[in-house]
Amino acid sequence: MAQILVRNLDEKVVGRLKRQAKRNGRSLQSEVKMILEDAARTDASKAWRIADRIRAQFKGRKFPNSADLIREDRDR
């Protein structure tokens, strides 16, 4: 099995990870391993599906040019 060494982690981050590990009844190493495995499993297609759903909600709507709105506001 492969190993990874992460250098220069902020002490606050390590502290939060330790507390999280304790709450979950795991060692720090097990907690970090779980976090990395979950992150590696995360499917980017889920994010794309959410984005597609949002696009579909706004399909056909016309939006004003925000630059024009900003200019109009500044000219007041």
PDB file of N, CA and C in Angstrom:
ATOM      1  N   MET A   1       0.842  -1.177   0.000  1.00  0.00           N
ATOM      2  CA  MET A   1       0.000   0.000   0.000  1.00  0.00           C
ATOM      3  C   MET A   1       0.891   1.244   0.000  1.00  0.00           C
ATOM      4  N   ALA A   2       0.430   2.276  -0.696  1.00  0.00           N
ATOM      5  CA  ALA A   2       1.209   3.506  -0.828  1.00  0.00           C
ATOM      6  C   ALA A   2       1.102   4.368   0.424  1.00  0.00           C
ATOM      7  N   GLN A   3       2.085   5.241   0.588  1.00  0.00           N
ATOM      8  CA  GLN A   3       2.083   6.181   1.700  1.00  0.00           C
ATOM      9  C   GLN A   3       2.240   7.588   1.151  1.00  0.00           C
ATOM     10  N   ILE A   4       1.684   8.539   1.870  1.00  0.00           N
ATOM     11  CA  ILE A   4       1.782   9.956   1.497  1.00  0.00           C
ATOM     12  C   ILE A   4       2.252  10.731   2.711  1.00  0.00           C
ATOM     13  N   LEU A   5       3.186  11.633   2.499  1.00  0.00           N
ATOM     14  CA  LEU A   5       3.662  12.518   3.562  1.00  0.00           C
ATOM     15  C   LEU A   5       3.210  13.934   3.221  1.00  0.00           C
ATOM     16  N   VAL A   6       2.514  14.559   4.140  1.00  0.00           N
ATOM     17  CA  VAL A   6       2.051  15.928   3.924  1.00  0.00           C
ATOM     18  C   VAL A   6       2.837  16.826   4.862  1.00  0.00           C
ATOM     19  N   ARG A   7       3.602  17.733   4.314  1.00  0.00           N
ATOM     20  CA  ARG A   7       4.453  18.614   5.108  1.00  0.00           C
ATOM     21  C   ARG A   7       3.783  19.967   5.336  1.00  0.00           C
ATOM     22  N   ASN A   8       4.210  20.620   6.388  1.00  0.00           N
ATOM     23  CA  ASN A   8       3.850  22.020   6.675  1.00  0.00           C
ATOM     24  C   ASN A   8       2.355  22.250   6.853  1.00  0.00           C
ATOM     25  N   LEU A   9       1.670  21.328   7.501  1.00  0.00           N
ATOM     26  CA  LEU A   9       0.262  21.560   7.822  1.00  0.00           C
ATOM     27  C   LEU A   9       0.177  22.542   8.982  1.00  0.00           C
ATOM     28  N   ASP A  10      -0.754  23.439   8.897  1.00  0.00           N
ATOM     29  CA  ASP A  10      -0.989  24.394   9.968  1.00  0.00           C
ATOM     30  C   ASP A  10      -1.406  23.637  11.225  1.00  0.00           C
ATOM     31  N   GLU A  11      -0.887  24.040  12.357  1.00  0.00           N
ATOM     32  CA  GLU A  11      -1.203  23.376  13.629  1.00  0.00           C
ATOM     33  C   GLU A  11      -2.702  23.410  13.934  1.00  0.00           C
ATOM     34  N   LYS A  12      -3.373  24.487  13.514  1.00  0.00           N
ATOM     35  CA  LYS A  12      -4.815  24.576  13.731  1.00  0.00           C
ATOM     36  C   LYS A  12      -5.549  23.495  12.943  1.00  0.00           C
ATOM     37  N   VAL A  13      -5.099  23.238  11.733  1.00  0.00           N
ATOM     38  CA  VAL A  13      -5.703  22.190  10.904  1.00  0.00           C
ATOM     39  C   VAL A  13      -5.507  20.836  11.564  1.00  0.00           C
ATOM     40  N   VAL A  14      -4.295  20.582  12.024  1.00  0.00           N
ATOM     41  CA  VAL A  14      -3.994  19.310  12.688  1.00  0.00           C
ATOM     42  C   VAL A  14      -4.857  19.161  13.940  1.00  0.00           C
ATOM     43  N   GLY A  15      -5.003  20.240  14.682  1.00  0.00           N
ATOM     44  CA  GLY A  15      -5.840  20.209  15.878  1.00  0.00           C
ATOM     45  C   GLY A  15      -7.288  19.873  15.557  1.00  0.00           C
ATOM     46  N   ARG A  16      -7.823  20.500  14.496  1.00  0.00           N
ATOM     47  CA  ARG A  16      -9.202  20.212  14.101  1.00  0.00           C
ATOM     48  C   ARG A  16      -9.347  18.765  13.654  1.00  0.00           C
ATOM     49  N   LEU A  17      -8.349  18.267  12.923  1.00  0.00           N
ATOM     50  CA  LEU A  17      -8.392  16.872  12.481  1.00  0.00           C
ATOM     51  C   LEU A  17      -8.340  15.915  13.672  1.00  0.00           C
ATOM     52  N   LYS A  18      -7.522  16.236  14.661  1.00  0.00           N
ATOM     53  CA  LYS A  18      -7.436  15.392  15.855  1.00  0.00           C
ATOM     54  C   LYS A  18      -8.763  15.360  16.597  1.00  0.00           C
ATOM     55  N   ARG A  19      -9.395  16.527  16.747  1.00  0.00           N
ATOM     56  CA  ARG A  19     -10.690  16.572  17.436  1.00  0.00           C
ATOM     57  C   ARG A  19     -11.759  15.800  16.659  1.00  0.00           C
ATOM     58  N   GLN A  20     -11.734  15.953  15.360  1.00  0.00           N
ATOM     59  CA  GLN A  20     -12.685  15.231  14.512  1.00  0.00           C
ATOM     60  C   GLN A  20     -12.467  13.723  14.630  1.00  0.00           C
ATOM     61  N   ALA A  21     -11.200  13.302  14.615  1.00  0.00           N
ATOM     62  CA  ALA A  21     -10.876  11.885  14.753  1.00  0.00           C
ATOM     63  C   ALA A  21     -11.375  11.350  16.091  1.00  0.00           C
ATOM     64  N   LYS A  22     -11.181  12.119  17.140  1.00  0.00           N
ATOM     65  CA  LYS A  22     -11.613  11.690  18.469  1.00  0.00           C
ATOM     66  C   LYS A  22     -13.132  11.542  18.513  1.00  0.00           C
ATOM     67  N   ARG A  23     -13.846  12.526  17.942  1.00  0.00           N
ATOM     68  CA  ARG A  23     -15.311  12.451  17.903  1.00  0.00           C
ATOM     69  C   ARG A  23     -15.791  11.209  17.155  1.00  0.00           C
ATOM     70  N   ASN A  24     -15.041  10.825  16.123  1.00  0.00           N
ATOM     71  CA  ASN A  24     -15.426   9.680  15.297  1.00  0.00           C
ATOM     72  C   ASN A  24     -14.830   8.365  15.791  1.00  0.00           C
ATOM     73  N   GLY A  25     -14.099   8.424  16.895  1.00  0.00           N
ATOM     74  CA  GLY A  25     -13.531   7.205  17.469  1.00  0.00           C
ATOM     75  C   GLY A  25     -12.438   6.591  16.620  1.00  0.00           C
ATOM     76  N   ARG A  26     -11.673   7.435  15.938  1.00  0.00           N
ATOM     77  CA  ARG A  26     -10.595   6.956  15.068  1.00  0.00           C
ATOM     78  C   ARG A  26      -9.282   7.616  15.456  1.00  0.00           C
ATOM     79  N   SER A  27      -8.205   7.012  14.992  1.00  0.00           N
ATOM     80  CA  SER A  27      -6.899   7.645  15.137  1.00  0.00           C
ATOM     81  C   SER A  27      -6.807   8.779  14.119  1.00  0.00           C
ATOM     82  N   LEU A  28      -5.852   9.665  14.320  1.00  0.00           N
ATOM     83  CA  LEU A  28      -5.645  10.752  13.361  1.00  0.00           C
ATOM     84  C   LEU A  28      -5.365  10.182  11.981  1.00  0.00           C
ATOM     85  N   GLN A  29      -4.513   9.174  11.914  1.00  0.00           N
ATOM     86  CA  GLN A  29      -4.173   8.561  10.625  1.00  0.00           C
ATOM     87  C   GLN A  29      -5.417   7.981   9.951  1.00  0.00           C
ATOM     88  N   SER A  30      -6.245   7.280  10.711  1.00  0.00           N
ATOM     89  CA  SER A  30      -7.462   6.698  10.145  1.00  0.00           C
ATOM     90  C   SER A  30      -8.424   7.778   9.665  1.00  0.00           C
ATOM     91  N   GLU A  31      -8.515   8.854  10.421  1.00  0.00           N
ATOM     92  CA  GLU A  31      -9.415   9.948  10.044  1.00  0.00           C
ATOM     93  C   GLU A  31      -8.968  10.589   8.735  1.00  0.00           C
ATOM     94  N   VAL A  32      -7.682  10.879   8.635  1.00  0.00           N
ATOM     95  CA  VAL A  32      -7.152  11.502   7.412  1.00  0.00           C
ATOM     96  C   VAL A  32      -7.310  10.546   6.233  1.00  0.00           C
ATOM     97  N   LYS A  33      -7.062   9.271   6.465  1.00  0.00           N
ATOM     98  CA  LYS A  33      -7.237   8.266   5.401  1.00  0.00           C
ATOM     99  C   LYS A  33      -8.683   8.250   4.913  1.00  0.00           C
ATOM    100  N   MET A  34      -9.631   8.281   5.851  1.00  0.00           N
ATOM    101  CA  MET A  34     -11.050   8.288   5.497  1.00  0.00           C
ATOM    102  C   MET A  34     -11.400   9.533   4.688  1.00  0.00           C
ATOM    103  N   ILE A  35     -10.902  10.678   5.112  1.00  0.00           N
ATOM    104  CA  ILE A  35     -11.171  11.936   4.402  1.00  0.00           C
ATOM    105  C   ILE A  35     -10.634  11.865   2.977  1.00  0.00           C
ATOM    106  N   LEU A  36      -9.409  11.369   2.820  1.00  0.00           N
ATOM    107  CA  LEU A  36      -8.806  11.273   1.485  1.00  0.00           C
ATOM    108  C   LEU A  36      -9.553  10.282   0.604  1.00  0.00           C
ATOM    109  N   GLU A  37      -9.944   9.141   1.179  1.00  0.00           N
ATOM    110  CA  GLU A  37     -10.687   8.159   0.391  1.00  0.00           C
ATOM    111  C   GLU A  37     -12.033   8.708  -0.057  1.00  0.00           C
ATOM    112  N   ASP A  38     -12.725   9.412   0.847  1.00  0.00           N
ATOM    113  CA  ASP A  38     -14.009  10.019   0.481  1.00  0.00           C
ATOM    114  C   ASP A  38     -13.838  11.063  -0.614  1.00  0.00           C
ATOM    115  N   ALA A  39     -12.794  11.872  -0.493  1.00  0.00           N
ATOM    116  CA  ALA A  39     -12.539  12.907  -1.499  1.00  0.00           C
ATOM    117  C   ALA A  39     -12.223  12.283  -2.854  1.00  0.00           C
ATOM    118  N   ALA A  40     -11.488  11.189  -2.843  1.00  0.00           N
ATOM    119  CA  ALA A  40     -11.117  10.527  -4.101  1.00  0.00           C
ATOM    120  C   ALA A  40     -12.330   9.865  -4.758  1.00  0.00           C
ATOM    121  N   ARG A  41     -13.314   9.457  -3.942  1.00  0.00           N
ATOM    122  CA  ARG A  41     -14.525   8.821  -4.487  1.00  0.00           C
ATOM    123  C   ARG A  41     -15.511   9.833  -5.024  1.00  0.00           C
ATOM    124  N   THR A  42     -15.413  11.060  -4.572  1.00  0.00           N
ATOM    125  CA  THR A  42     -16.384  12.074  -4.983  1.00  0.00           C
ATOM    126  C   THR A  42     -16.376  12.186  -6.494  1.00  0.00           C
ATOM    127  N   ASP A  43     -17.553  12.077  -7.028  1.00  0.00           N
ATOM    128  CA  ASP A  43     -17.716  12.064  -8.480  1.00  0.00           C
ATOM    129  C   ASP A  43     -18.015  13.481  -8.970  1.00  0.00           C
ATOM    130  N   ALA A  44     -17.164  13.989  -9.835  1.00  0.00           N
ATOM    131  CA  ALA A  44     -17.367  15.340 -10.364  1.00  0.00           C
ATOM    132  C   ALA A  44     -18.672  15.426 -11.152  1.00  0.00           C
ATOM    133  N   SER A  45     -19.167  14.298 -11.638  1.00  0.00           N
ATOM    134  CA  SER A  45     -20.402  14.339 -12.413  1.00  0.00           C
ATOM    135  C   SER A  45     -21.579  14.800 -11.556  1.00  0.00           C
ATOM    136  N   LYS A  46     -21.508  14.590 -10.243  1.00  0.00           N
ATOM    137  CA  LYS A  46     -22.574  15.070  -9.355  1.00  0.00           C
ATOM    138  C   LYS A  46     -22.649  16.590  -9.423  1.00  0.00           C
ATOM    139  N   ALA A  47     -21.496  17.238  -9.387  1.00  0.00           N
ATOM    140  CA  ALA A  47     -21.467  18.700  -9.480  1.00  0.00           C
ATOM    141  C   ALA A  47     -22.022  19.164 -10.823  1.00  0.00           C
ATOM    142  N   TRP A  48     -21.686  18.447 -11.891  1.00  0.00           N
ATOM    143  CA  TRP A  48     -22.200  18.807 -13.211  1.00  0.00           C
ATOM    144  C   TRP A  48     -23.714  18.627 -13.282  1.00  0.00           C
ATOM    145  N   ARG A  49     -24.234  17.587 -12.652  1.00  0.00           N
ATOM    146  CA  ARG A  49     -25.688  17.378 -12.635  1.00  0.00           C
ATOM    147  C   ARG A  49     -26.388  18.524 -11.912  1.00  0.00           C
ATOM    148  N   ILE A  50     -25.805  18.970 -10.812  1.00  0.00           N
ATOM    149  CA  ILE A  50     -26.389  20.101 -10.077  1.00  0.00           C
ATOM    150  C   ILE A  50     -26.359  21.356 -10.942  1.00  0.00           C
ATOM    151  N   ALA A  51     -25.231  21.597 -11.594  1.00  0.00           N
ATOM    152  CA  ALA A  51     -25.107  22.776 -12.469  1.00  0.00           C
ATOM    153  C   ALA A  51     -26.114  22.706 -13.615  1.00  0.00           C
ATOM    154  N   ASP A  52     -26.291  21.525 -14.192  1.00  0.00           N
ATOM    155  CA  ASP A  52     -27.260  21.364 -15.280  1.00  0.00           C
ATOM    156  C   ASP A  52     -28.680  21.640 -14.803  1.00  0.00           C
ATOM    157  N   ARG A  53     -28.995  21.189 -13.586  1.00  0.00           N
ATOM    158  CA  ARG A  53     -30.327  21.426 -13.027  1.00  0.00           C
ATOM    159  C   ARG A  53     -30.560  22.926 -12.829  1.00  0.00           C
ATOM    160  N   ILE A  54     -29.554  23.632 -12.354  1.00  0.00           N
ATOM    161  CA  ILE A  54     -29.677  25.075 -12.159  1.00  0.00           C
ATOM    162  C   ILE A  54     -29.841  25.779 -13.502  1.00  0.00           C
ATOM    163  N   ARG A  55     -29.034  25.359 -14.489  1.00  0.00           N
ATOM    164  CA  ARG A  55     -29.161  25.953 -15.831  1.00  0.00           C
ATOM    165  C   ARG A  55     -30.567  25.755 -16.383  1.00  0.00           C
ATOM    166  N   ALA A  56     -31.125  24.557 -16.174  1.00  0.00           N
ATOM    167  CA  ALA A  56     -32.463  24.256 -16.677  1.00  0.00           C
ATOM    168  C   ALA A  56     -33.508  25.159 -16.026  1.00  0.00           C
ATOM    169  N   GLN A  57     -33.326  25.475 -14.758  1.00  0.00           N
ATOM    170  CA  GLN A  57     -34.276  26.353 -14.060  1.00  0.00           C
ATOM    171  C   GLN A  57     -34.301  27.753 -14.676  1.00  0.00           C
ATOM    172  N   PHE A  58     -33.179  28.197 -15.198  1.00  0.00           N
ATOM    173  CA  PHE A  58     -33.086  29.546 -15.740  1.00  0.00           C
ATOM    174  C   PHE A  58     -33.145  29.592 -17.263  1.00  0.00           C
ATOM    175  N   LYS A  59     -33.355  28.448 -17.894  1.00  0.00           N
ATOM    176  CA  LYS A  59     -33.371  28.381 -19.356  1.00  0.00           C
ATOM    177  C   LYS A  59     -34.451  29.309 -19.912  1.00  0.00           C
ATOM    178  N   GLY A  60     -34.057  30.076 -20.906  1.00  0.00           N
ATOM    179  CA  GLY A  60     -34.994  30.967 -21.571  1.00  0.00           C
ATOM    180  C   GLY A  60     -35.162  32.330 -20.919  1.00  0.00           C
ATOM    181  N   ARG A  61     -34.649  32.485 -19.705  1.00  0.00           N
ATOM    182  CA  ARG A  61     -34.761  33.785 -19.041  1.00  0.00           C
ATOM    183  C   ARG A  61     -33.712  34.733 -19.582  1.00  0.00           C
ATOM    184  N   LYS A  62     -34.081  35.972 -19.687  1.00  0.00           N
ATOM    185  CA  LYS A  62     -33.159  37.005 -20.144  1.00  0.00           C
ATOM    186  C   LYS A  62     -32.661  37.774 -18.928  1.00  0.00           C
ATOM    187  N   PHE A  63     -31.371  37.976 -18.859  1.00  0.00           N
ATOM    188  CA  PHE A  63     -30.775  38.716 -17.758  1.00  0.00           C
ATOM    189  C   PHE A  63     -30.102  39.964 -18.309  1.00  0.00           C
ATOM    190  N   PRO A  64     -30.202  41.069 -17.580  1.00  0.00           N
ATOM    191  CA  PRO A  64     -29.555  42.300 -18.048  1.00  0.00           C
ATOM    192  C   PRO A  64     -28.032  42.173 -17.957  1.00  0.00           C
ATOM    193  N   ASN A  65     -27.375  42.969 -18.755  1.00  0.00           N
ATOM    194  CA  ASN A  65     -25.921  43.016 -18.719  1.00  0.00           C
ATOM    195  C   ASN A  65     -25.501  43.680 -17.407  1.00  0.00           C
ATOM    196  N   SER A  66     -24.800  42.944 -16.568  1.00  0.00           N
ATOM    197  CA  SER A  66     -24.434  43.484 -15.258  1.00  0.00           C
ATOM    198  C   SER A  66     -23.506  44.687 -15.377  1.00  0.00           C
ATOM    199  N   ALA A  67     -22.685  44.732 -16.414  1.00  0.00           N
ATOM    200  CA  ALA A  67     -21.796  45.882 -16.595  1.00  0.00           C
ATOM    201  C   ALA A  67     -22.613  47.157 -16.820  1.00  0.00           C
ATOM    202  N   ASP A  68     -23.700  47.035 -17.567  1.00  0.00           N
ATOM    203  CA  ASP A  68     -24.573  48.193 -17.796  1.00  0.00           C
ATOM    204  C   ASP A  68     -25.222  48.647 -16.487  1.00  0.00           C
ATOM    205  N   LEU A  69     -25.648  47.701 -15.675  1.00  0.00           N
ATOM    206  CA  LEU A  69     -26.261  48.043 -14.385  1.00  0.00           C
ATOM    207  C   LEU A  69     -25.277  48.727 -13.458  1.00  0.00           C
ATOM    208  N   ILE A  70     -24.042  48.245 -13.446  1.00  0.00           N
ATOM    209  CA  ILE A  70     -23.014  48.859 -12.609  1.00  0.00           C
ATOM    210  C   ILE A  70     -22.714  50.272 -13.070  1.00  0.00           C
ATOM    211  N   ARG A  71     -22.603  50.449 -14.390  1.00  0.00           N
ATOM    212  CA  ARG A  71     -22.338  51.775 -14.949  1.00  0.00           C
ATOM    213  C   ARG A  71     -23.477  52.723 -14.610  1.00  0.00           C
ATOM    214  N   GLU A  72     -24.705  52.269 -14.749  1.00  0.00           N
ATOM    215  CA  GLU A  72     -25.865  53.086 -14.434  1.00  0.00           C
ATOM    216  C   GLU A  72     -25.851  53.505 -12.960  1.00  0.00           C
ATOM    217  N   ASP A  73     -25.505  52.571 -12.090  1.00  0.00           N
ATOM    218  CA  ASP A  73     -25.449  52.874 -10.664  1.00  0.00           C
ATOM    219  C   ASP A  73     -24.355  53.885 -10.363  1.00  0.00           C
ATOM    220  N   ARG A  74     -23.216  53.729 -11.000  1.00  0.00           N
ATOM    221  CA  ARG A  74     -22.092  54.653 -10.742  1.00  0.00           C
ATOM    222  C   ARG A  74     -22.369  56.054 -11.269  1.00  0.00           C
ATOM    223  N   ASP A  75     -23.161  56.130 -12.328  1.00  0.00           N
ATOM    224  CA  ASP A  75     -23.461  57.437 -12.926  1.00  0.00           C
ATOM    225  C   ASP A  75     -24.495  58.219 -12.136  1.00  0.00           C
ATOM    226  N   ARG A  76     -25.129  57.592 -11.161  1.00  0.00           N
ATOM    227  CA  ARG A  76     -26.140  58.311 -10.362  1.00  0.00           C
ATOM    228  C   ARG A  76     -25.509  59.350  -9.487  1.00  0.00           C
TER     229      ARG A  76
END
